[in-house]
């Protein structure tokens, strides 16, 4: 196994450092990809896994101005190594989050809800009554898209893979605010027309699967619509018929939260307004943590295995 639990000395606290007690950290697909060496950023080894999580500040160096003991913090970027009980990090690698946000929400805040928020905001100008279509709608991002869209009055068409407990999954997504939940097979059926009697065709499609799933989603987009790809779970390329480009002028774009943060490193206002918006939704009960299974750190092996099973509908969260 590539992973093992190890006891390390906590590093000395420098003037600009923050000593953090980690509280909870999820296992995300990108974390697994990083361990497998198939991700666009790889930490120099040996490394601590985990890109996301929430901790509590225990102590700060004498030059640290933005944080104080007792504050809640999340990583400002990727590669922090959150699967640990404690760590000492430079101040600029941490973002303060409000203490009234539930721990599981804070632990899963920096990647999935922010990705959902940006993709809904940055590619098409959507107004209440408009619609979006997305695949892997039961993923962490998918659940956040449903809730953020619902809060903005935007309708969602949610595509999931057929599975044994489909009715249960449909019920859960509808409870989150999904307007329509369809299987990948249904995308090819004439009954899809019935959906568009009550809502407009989407101008935005969010893709984290690839392959046939994406090609089938494209059919339902309005002319000049945009497909945003942010993942490739099927490990298949995105196939687009030439006619979709020529006669419907579809746009194909990509999104990676890590890159957005790099591009906006100097844009403190943009970052703050996104974090405020997301935290407001959480406070109002309009955005919840994804379905989670809480696992103590020593059971990390079982958590990793569970996170790699097909049709997982629950995110594994390490309790630290």
Foldseek 3Di string as FASTA:
>chain_A
DLDDDDDDDADDAAQQKWKWFFFKAFDDPVQVCQSVVNDPDHDPPPAATGFFGKTFTCQHHNNHDPDGGGFIKIFLFGRPRRLDRMYMGGPLRIDTADPVFDRLCRRLPQFQLLQLVCQVPPDDDDAAQAEEEEEPLLDQNNLNNQLVCVVRNYAYEYEYADDDPVVVSQVVSVVLRHPHYYYLVCLPDPCVVVVCVRGPQHLEYEYAAADPSQQSSLVRHAQQGEYEYEHHNNPYHHDYDPCCCVVRVYHYYYDDSNVVSVVCVVVPVVVVVSSVVSVVCSVVVSDDGFAADEDESVVVVVLVVLCPDPPRSHIYMYGD
